[in-house]
PDB file of N, CA and C in Angstrom:
ATOM      1  N   MET A   1      24.591 -12.479  23.018  1.00  0.00           N
ATOM      2  CA  MET A   1      23.414 -11.993  22.467  1.00  0.00           C
ATOM      3  C   MET A   1      22.195 -12.949  23.133  1.00  0.00           C
ATOM      4  N   THR A   2      21.297 -12.557  23.131  1.00  0.00           N
ATOM      5  CA  THR A   2      19.790 -13.132  23.865  1.00  0.00           C
ATOM      6  C   THR A   2      19.179 -13.840  22.520  1.00  0.00           C
ATOM      7  N   PRO A   3      18.673 -14.756  22.995  1.00  0.00           N
ATOM      8  CA  PRO A   3      17.609 -15.164  21.584  1.00  0.00           C
ATOM      9  C   PRO A   3      16.712 -14.139  20.975  1.00  0.00           C
ATOM     10  N   LEU A   4      16.066 -13.042  21.754  1.00  0.00           N
ATOM     11  CA  LEU A   4      15.342 -12.436  21.110  1.00  0.00           C
ATOM     12  C   LEU A   4      15.847 -10.963  20.744  1.00  0.00           C
ATOM     13  N   GLN A   5      17.573 -10.518  20.821  1.00  0.00           N
ATOM     14  CA  GLN A   5      18.434  -9.619  20.282  1.00  0.00           C
ATOM     15  C   GLN A   5      19.024 -10.405  18.794  1.00  0.00           C
ATOM     16  N   GLU A   6      18.792 -11.835  18.796  1.00  0.00           N
ATOM     17  CA  GLU A   6      19.240 -12.568  17.853  1.00  0.00           C
ATOM     18  C   GLU A   6      18.308 -12.330  16.664  1.00  0.00           C
ATOM     19  N   THR A   7      16.774 -12.688  16.893  1.00  0.00           N
ATOM     20  CA  THR A   7      15.858 -12.555  16.506  1.00  0.00           C
ATOM     21  C   THR A   7      15.690 -11.122  15.545  1.00  0.00           C
ATOM     22  N   ILE A   8      15.738 -10.252  16.399  1.00  0.00           N
ATOM     23  CA  ILE A   8      15.331  -8.639  16.130  1.00  0.00           C
ATOM     24  C   ILE A   8      16.526  -8.611  15.306  1.00  0.00           C
ATOM     25  N   GLN A   9      17.708  -9.009  15.334  1.00  0.00           N
ATOM     26  CA  GLN A   9      18.961  -8.710  14.453  1.00  0.00           C
ATOM     27  C   GLN A   9      18.541  -9.562  13.050  1.00  0.00           C
ATOM     28  N   ALA A  10      18.393 -10.159  13.273  1.00  0.00           N
ATOM     29  CA  ALA A  10      17.983 -11.303  12.039  1.00  0.00           C
ATOM     30  C   ALA A  10      16.547 -10.667  10.874  1.00  0.00           C
ATOM     31  N   SER A  11      15.870 -10.252  11.602  1.00  0.00           N
ATOM     32  CA  SER A  11      14.522  -9.730  11.037  1.00  0.00           C
ATOM     33  C   SER A  11      14.998  -8.159  10.718  1.00  0.00           C
ATOM     34  N   CYS A  12      16.255  -7.301  11.149  1.00  0.00           N
ATOM     35  CA  CYS A  12      16.541  -6.496  10.617  1.00  0.00           C
ATOM     36  C   CYS A  12      17.439  -6.463   9.248  1.00  0.00           C
ATOM     37  N   ASN A  13      18.082  -7.531   9.177  1.00  0.00           N
ATOM     38  CA  ASN A  13      18.551  -7.872   8.152  1.00  0.00           C
ATOM     39  C   ASN A  13      17.825  -8.212   6.789  1.00  0.00           C
ATOM     40  N   ARG A  14      16.840  -9.110   7.133  1.00  0.00           N
ATOM     41  CA  ARG A  14      16.041  -9.501   6.368  1.00  0.00           C
ATOM     42  C   ARG A  14      15.040  -8.172   5.775  1.00  0.00           C
ATOM     43  N   MET A  15      14.499  -7.249   6.628  1.00  0.00           N
ATOM     44  CA  MET A  15      13.906  -6.156   6.161  1.00  0.00           C
ATOM     45  C   MET A  15      14.724  -5.207   5.018  1.00  0.00           C
ATOM     46  N   LEU A  16      15.752  -5.214   5.517  1.00  0.00           N
ATOM     47  CA  LEU A  16      16.872  -4.491   4.757  1.00  0.00           C
ATOM     48  C   LEU A  16      17.305  -5.195   3.058  1.00  0.00           C
ATOM     49  N   GLU A  17      17.121  -6.316   3.345  1.00  0.00           N
ATOM     50  CA  GLU A  17      17.339  -7.388   1.906  1.00  0.00           C
ATOM     51  C   GLU A  17      15.545  -6.987   1.223  1.00  0.00           C
ATOM     52  N   TYR A  18      15.246  -7.351   1.824  1.00  0.00           N
ATOM     53  CA  TYR A  18      13.368  -7.016   1.030  1.00  0.00           C
ATOM     54  C   TYR A  18      13.387  -5.510   0.674  1.00  0.00           C
ATOM     55  N   LEU A  19      13.680  -4.252   1.428  1.00  0.00           N
ATOM     56  CA  LEU A  19      13.711  -2.967   1.101  1.00  0.00           C
ATOM     57  C   LEU A  19      14.734  -2.605   0.000  1.00  0.00           C
ATOM     58  N   GLN A  20      15.685  -3.412  -0.227  1.00  0.00           N
ATOM     59  CA  GLN A  20      17.086  -3.216  -1.314  1.00  0.00           C
ATOM     60  C   GLN A  20      16.213  -3.863  -2.546  1.00  0.00           C
ATOM     61  N   ASP A  21      15.277  -4.634  -2.521  1.00  0.00           N
ATOM     62  CA  ASP A  21      14.739  -5.213  -3.776  1.00  0.00           C
ATOM     63  C   ASP A  21      13.623  -4.458  -4.074  1.00  0.00           C
ATOM     64  N   LYS A  22      12.967  -4.162  -3.099  1.00  0.00           N
ATOM     65  CA  LYS A  22      11.145  -3.729  -3.672  1.00  0.00           C
ATOM     66  C   LYS A  22      11.377  -1.816  -3.241  1.00  0.00           C
ATOM     67  N   LYS A  23      12.416  -1.440  -2.849  1.00  0.00           N
ATOM     68  CA  LYS A  23      12.691  -0.017  -2.514  1.00  0.00           C
ATOM     69  C   LYS A  23      11.653   0.732  -1.777  1.00  0.00           C
ATOM     70  N   GLU A  24      10.498   0.180  -0.974  1.00  0.00           N
ATOM     71  CA  GLU A  24       9.356   0.972  -0.578  1.00  0.00           C
ATOM     72  C   GLU A  24       8.482  -0.280   0.153  1.00  0.00           C
ATOM     73  N   ALA A  25       7.824  -0.189   1.397  1.00  0.00           N
ATOM     74  CA  ALA A  25       6.974  -1.168   1.593  1.00  0.00           C
ATOM     75  C   ALA A  25       6.574  -0.637   2.921  1.00  0.00           C
ATOM     76  N   SER A  26       5.007  -0.962   3.371  1.00  0.00           N
ATOM     77  CA  SER A  26       4.303  -0.493   4.583  1.00  0.00           C
ATOM     78  C   SER A  26       5.012  -1.547   5.725  1.00  0.00           C
ATOM     79  N   SER A  27       4.541  -1.191   6.621  1.00  0.00           N
ATOM     80  CA  SER A  27       4.925  -1.979   7.906  1.00  0.00           C
ATOM     81  C   SER A  27       3.965  -3.033   7.825  1.00  0.00           C
ATOM     82  N   TRP A  28       2.869  -2.933   7.324  1.00  0.00           N
ATOM     83  CA  TRP A  28       2.229  -4.236   7.187  1.00  0.00           C
ATOM     84  C   TRP A  28       2.683  -5.314   6.122  1.00  0.00           C
ATOM     85  N   GLN A  29       2.840  -4.929   4.975  1.00  0.00           N
ATOM     86  CA  GLN A  29       3.493  -5.701   3.642  1.00  0.00           C
ATOM     87  C   GLN A  29       4.945  -6.586   4.338  1.00  0.00           C
ATOM     88  N   LEU A  30       5.691  -5.539   5.032  1.00  0.00           N
ATOM     89  CA  LEU A  30       6.709  -6.384   5.861  1.00  0.00           C
ATOM     90  C   LEU A  30       6.348  -7.190   6.843  1.00  0.00           C
ATOM     91  N   LYS A  31       5.382  -7.387   7.632  1.00  0.00           N
ATOM     92  CA  LYS A  31       5.020  -7.941   8.445  1.00  0.00           C
ATOM     93  C   LYS A  31       4.586  -9.458   8.081  1.00  0.00           C
ATOM     94  N   LEU A  32       3.851  -9.277   7.123  1.00  0.00           N
ATOM     95  CA  LEU A  32       3.658 -10.322   6.329  1.00  0.00           C
ATOM     96  C   LEU A  32       4.320 -11.163   5.483  1.00  0.00           C
ATOM     97  N   ALA A  33       5.336 -10.275   4.788  1.00  0.00           N
ATOM     98  CA  ALA A  33       5.889 -11.092   4.094  1.00  0.00           C
ATOM     99  C   ALA A  33       7.178 -11.470   4.586  1.00  0.00           C
ATOM    100  N   LEU A  34       7.748 -11.166   6.000  1.00  0.00           N
ATOM    101  CA  LEU A  34       8.759 -11.804   6.596  1.00  0.00           C
ATOM    102  C   LEU A  34       8.204 -12.860   7.760  1.00  0.00           C
ATOM    103  N   HIS A  35       7.088 -12.504   7.940  1.00  0.00           N
ATOM    104  CA  HIS A  35       6.332 -13.574   8.868  1.00  0.00           C
ATOM    105  C   HIS A  35       6.515 -12.812  10.806  1.00  0.00           C
ATOM    106  N   LEU A  36       6.608 -11.799  10.499  1.00  0.00           N
ATOM    107  CA  LEU A  36       7.127 -11.006  12.070  1.00  0.00           C
ATOM    108  C   LEU A  36       6.125 -10.973  12.668  1.00  0.00           C
ATOM    109  N   SER A  37       6.178 -11.375  14.129  1.00  0.00           N
ATOM    110  CA  SER A  37       4.847 -10.815  15.410  1.00  0.00           C
ATOM    111  C   SER A  37       5.119  -9.242  15.377  1.00  0.00           C
ATOM    112  N   SER A  38       4.319  -8.802  15.536  1.00  0.00           N
ATOM    113  CA  SER A  38       4.047  -7.005  15.720  1.00  0.00           C
ATOM    114  C   SER A  38       5.261  -6.679  16.269  1.00  0.00           C
ATOM    115  N   SER A  39       5.643  -7.166  17.849  1.00  0.00           N
ATOM    116  CA  SER A  39       6.647  -6.544  18.593  1.00  0.00           C
ATOM    117  C   SER A  39       7.910  -6.818  17.778  1.00  0.00           C
ATOM    118  N   VAL A  40       7.988  -7.436  17.266  1.00  0.00           N
ATOM    119  CA  VAL A  40       9.533  -7.836  16.684  1.00  0.00           C
ATOM    120  C   VAL A  40       9.782  -6.818  15.337  1.00  0.00           C
ATOM    121  N   LEU A  41       8.599  -6.582  14.616  1.00  0.00           N
ATOM    122  CA  LEU A  41       8.300  -5.683  13.301  1.00  0.00           C
ATOM    123  C   LEU A  41       8.748  -4.373  14.233  1.00  0.00           C
ATOM    124  N   TYR A  42       8.180  -3.699  15.279  1.00  0.00           N
ATOM    125  CA  TYR A  42       8.448  -2.601  15.497  1.00  0.00           C
ATOM    126  C   TYR A  42       9.767  -2.426  16.346  1.00  0.00           C
ATOM    127  N   MET A  43      10.111  -3.483  17.163  1.00  0.00           N
ATOM    128  CA  MET A  43      11.378  -3.200  17.723  1.00  0.00           C
ATOM    129  C   MET A  43      12.466  -3.038  16.572  1.00  0.00           C
ATOM    130  N   SER A  44      12.371  -3.906  15.260  1.00  0.00           N
ATOM    131  CA  SER A  44      13.363  -3.662  14.519  1.00  0.00           C
ATOM    132  C   SER A  44      13.217  -2.515  13.610  1.00  0.00           C
ATOM    133  N   LEU A  45      12.145  -2.255  13.413  1.00  0.00           N
ATOM    134  CA  LEU A  45      11.930  -0.856  12.766  1.00  0.00           C
ATOM    135  C   LEU A  45      12.678   0.075  13.438  1.00  0.00           C
ATOM    136  N   GLY A  46      12.536   0.159  14.804  1.00  0.00           N
ATOM    137  CA  GLY A  46      12.978   1.144  15.774  1.00  0.00           C
ATOM    138  C   GLY A  46      14.353   1.142  15.654  1.00  0.00           C
ATOM    139  N   VAL A  47      15.454  -0.064  15.650  1.00  0.00           N
ATOM    140  CA  VAL A  47      16.642  -0.013  15.878  1.00  0.00           C
ATOM    141  C   VAL A  47      17.365   0.401  14.415  1.00  0.00           C
ATOM    142  N   LEU A  48      16.290  -0.017  13.213  1.00  0.00           N
ATOM    143  CA  LEU A  48      16.949   0.491  11.955  1.00  0.00           C
ATOM    144  C   LEU A  48      16.612   1.770  11.763  1.00  0.00           C
ATOM    145  N   LEU A  49      15.651   2.504  12.438  1.00  0.00           N
ATOM    146  CA  LEU A  49      15.704   3.895  12.360  1.00  0.00           C
ATOM    147  C   LEU A  49      16.693   4.607  13.032  1.00  0.00           C
ATOM    148  N   ASN A  50      16.765   4.213  14.183  1.00  0.00           N
ATOM    149  CA  ASN A  50      17.635   4.322  15.266  1.00  0.00           C
ATOM    150  C   ASN A  50      19.249   4.460  14.318  1.00  0.00           C
ATOM    151  N   GLN A  51      19.599   3.428  13.648  1.00  0.00           N
ATOM    152  CA  GLN A  51      20.787   3.725  13.036  1.00  0.00           C
ATOM    153  C   GLN A  51      20.964   4.215  11.765  1.00  0.00           C
ATOM    154  N   GLY A  52      19.911   5.148  11.565  1.00  0.00           N
ATOM    155  CA  GLY A  52      19.612   5.845   9.868  1.00  0.00           C
ATOM    156  C   GLY A  52      19.570   4.904   9.041  1.00  0.00           C
ATOM    157  N   LYS A  53      19.116   3.663   8.852  1.00  0.00           N
ATOM    158  CA  LYS A  53      19.226   2.771   7.781  1.00  0.00           C
ATOM    159  C   LYS A  53      17.800   2.793   7.028  1.00  0.00           C
ATOM    160  N   ILE A  54      16.970   3.500   7.399  1.00  0.00           N
ATOM    161  CA  ILE A  54      15.504   3.215   7.069  1.00  0.00           C
ATOM    162  C   ILE A  54      14.884   4.877   7.124  1.00  0.00           C
ATOM    163  N   ARG A  55      13.450   5.122   6.553  1.00  0.00           N
ATOM    164  CA  ARG A  55      12.984   5.933   6.657  1.00  0.00           C
ATOM    165  C   ARG A  55      11.770   5.794   7.009  1.00  0.00           C
ATOM    166  N   LEU A  56      10.770   6.146   7.867  1.00  0.00           N
ATOM    167  CA  LEU A  56       9.292   6.253   8.055  1.00  0.00           C
ATOM    168  C   LEU A  56       8.687   7.135   8.086  1.00  0.00           C
ATOM    169  N   GLU A  57       7.549   7.132   7.416  1.00  0.00           N
ATOM    170  CA  GLU A  57       6.498   7.947   7.344  1.00  0.00           C
ATOM    171  C   GLU A  57       5.150   7.245   7.551  1.00  0.00           C
ATOM    172  N   ALA A  58       4.840   8.175   8.643  1.00  0.00           N
ATOM    173  CA  ALA A  58       3.203   7.627   8.384  1.00  0.00           C
ATOM    174  C   ALA A  58       2.143   7.514   7.596  1.00  0.00           C
ATOM    175  N   ASP A  59       1.416   6.589   7.510  1.00  0.00           N
ATOM    176  CA  ASP A  59       0.359   6.372   6.395  1.00  0.00           C
ATOM    177  C   ASP A  59      -0.960   5.765   6.831  1.00  0.00           C
ATOM    178  N   GLY A  60      -1.349   6.605   7.602  1.00  0.00           N
ATOM    179  CA  GLY A  60      -2.671   6.049   8.305  1.00  0.00           C
ATOM    180  C   GLY A  60      -2.260   5.230   9.462  1.00  0.00           C
ATOM    181  N   ILE A  61      -2.642   3.636   9.472  1.00  0.00           N
ATOM    182  CA  ILE A  61      -2.266   2.946  10.616  1.00  0.00           C
ATOM    183  C   ILE A  61      -1.044   2.477  10.506  1.00  0.00           C
ATOM    184  N   ASN A  62      -0.597   2.399   9.244  1.00  0.00           N
ATOM    185  CA  ASN A  62       0.662   1.968   9.081  1.00  0.00           C
ATOM    186  C   ASN A  62       1.821   3.000   8.890  1.00  0.00           C
ATOM    187  N   TYR A  63       2.943   2.262   8.273  1.00  0.00           N
ATOM    188  CA  TYR A  63       4.333   2.949   8.037  1.00  0.00           C
ATOM    189  C   TYR A  63       4.785   2.962   6.582  1.00  0.00           C
ATOM    190  N   LYS A  64       5.191   3.883   6.256  1.00  0.00           N
ATOM    191  CA  LYS A  64       5.948   3.752   4.892  1.00  0.00           C
ATOM    192  C   LYS A  64       7.167   3.544   5.369  1.00  0.00           C
ATOM    193  N   VAL A  65       7.699   2.513   4.756  1.00  0.00           N
ATOM    194  CA  VAL A  65       9.486   2.008   5.508  1.00  0.00           C
ATOM    195  C   VAL A  65       9.928   2.198   4.086  1.00  0.00           C
ATOM    196  N   SER A  66      11.320   2.674   4.114  1.00  0.00           N
ATOM    197  CA  SER A  66      11.858   2.976   2.535  1.00  0.00           C
ATOM    198  C   SER A  66      13.544   3.208   3.096  1.00  0.00           C
ATOM    199  N   LEU A  67      14.291   2.766   2.061  1.00  0.00           N
ATOM    200  CA  LEU A  67      15.947   3.534   2.491  1.00  0.00           C
ATOM    201  C   LEU A  67      16.220   4.802   2.202  1.00  0.00           C
ATOM    202  N   PRO A  68      16.753   5.207   3.178  1.00  0.00           N
ATOM    203  CA  PRO A  68      17.131   6.858   2.889  1.00  0.00           C
ATOM    204  C   PRO A  68      17.885   7.086   1.690  1.00  0.00           C
ATOM    205  N   GLN A  69      17.249   8.295   1.115  1.00  0.00           N
ATOM    206  CA  GLN A  69      17.906   8.637   0.062  1.00  0.00           C
ATOM    207  C   GLN A  69      19.003   9.522   0.219  1.00  0.00           C
ATOM    208  N   PRO A  70      20.129   9.340  -0.672  1.00  0.00           N
ATOM    209  CA  PRO A  70      21.479  10.435  -0.407  1.00  0.00           C
ATOM    210  C   PRO A  70      20.707  11.702  -0.617  1.00  0.00           C
ATOM    211  N   ASP A  71      21.536  12.691  -0.011  1.00  0.00           N
ATOM    212  CA  ASP A  71      21.226  14.034  -0.087  1.00  0.00           C
ATOM    213  C   ASP A  71      21.885  14.727  -1.584  1.00  0.00           C
ATOM    214  N   ILE A  72      21.508  15.354  -2.171  1.00  0.00           N
ATOM    215  CA  ILE A  72      21.913  16.021  -3.589  1.00  0.00           C
ATOM    216  C   ILE A  72      23.022  16.882  -3.091  1.00  0.00           C
ATOM    217  N   GLU A  73      23.199  17.407  -1.659  1.00  0.00           N
ATOM    218  CA  GLU A  73      23.981  18.251  -1.631  1.00  0.00           C
ATOM    219  C   GLU A  73      25.210  18.025  -1.182  1.00  0.00           C
ATOM    220  N   GLN A  74      25.175  16.716  -0.534  1.00  0.00           N
ATOM    221  CA  GLN A  74      26.146  15.748   0.071  1.00  0.00           C
ATOM    222  C   GLN A  74      27.071  15.330  -1.463  1.00  0.00           C
ATOM    223  N   GLN A  75      26.713  15.114  -2.518  1.00  0.00           N
ATOM    224  CA  GLN A  75      27.221  14.503  -3.323  1.00  0.00           C
ATOM    225  C   GLN A  75      28.180  15.239  -4.135  1.00  0.00           C
ATOM    226  N   PRO A  76      29.640  14.939  -4.704  1.00  0.00           N
ATOM    227  CA  PRO A  76      30.418  15.724  -5.149  1.00  0.00           C
ATOM    228  C   PRO A  76      29.971  16.463  -6.224  1.00  0.00           C
ATOM    229  N   GLN A  77      30.422  17.223  -6.386  1.00  0.00           N
ATOM    230  CA  GLN A  77      30.119  18.163  -7.782  1.00  0.00           C
ATOM    231  C   GLN A  77      31.257  18.036  -8.523  1.00  0.00           C
ATOM    232  N   PHE A  78      30.890  18.075  -9.884  1.00  0.00           N
ATOM    233  CA  PHE A  78      32.428  18.119 -10.631  1.00  0.00           C
ATOM    234  C   PHE A  78      32.080  18.936 -11.750  1.00  0.00           C
TER     235      PHE A  78
END
């Protein structure tokens, strides 16, 4: 794994930890809280979105980032 790939993987892990605690954050909040460069921020968001681990919603010049909610229809019915 290249140093850039390691950096992206580490920032993905840190983002997921942050979102598990805060539930939702703007892309700007993640950038500041995790001390990420813009390029690492957006590459990490792309990786997590591609893996289905986050949801993104446009919010002006930023994005709202959150963990995906389980579909109610997919939950077992008792």
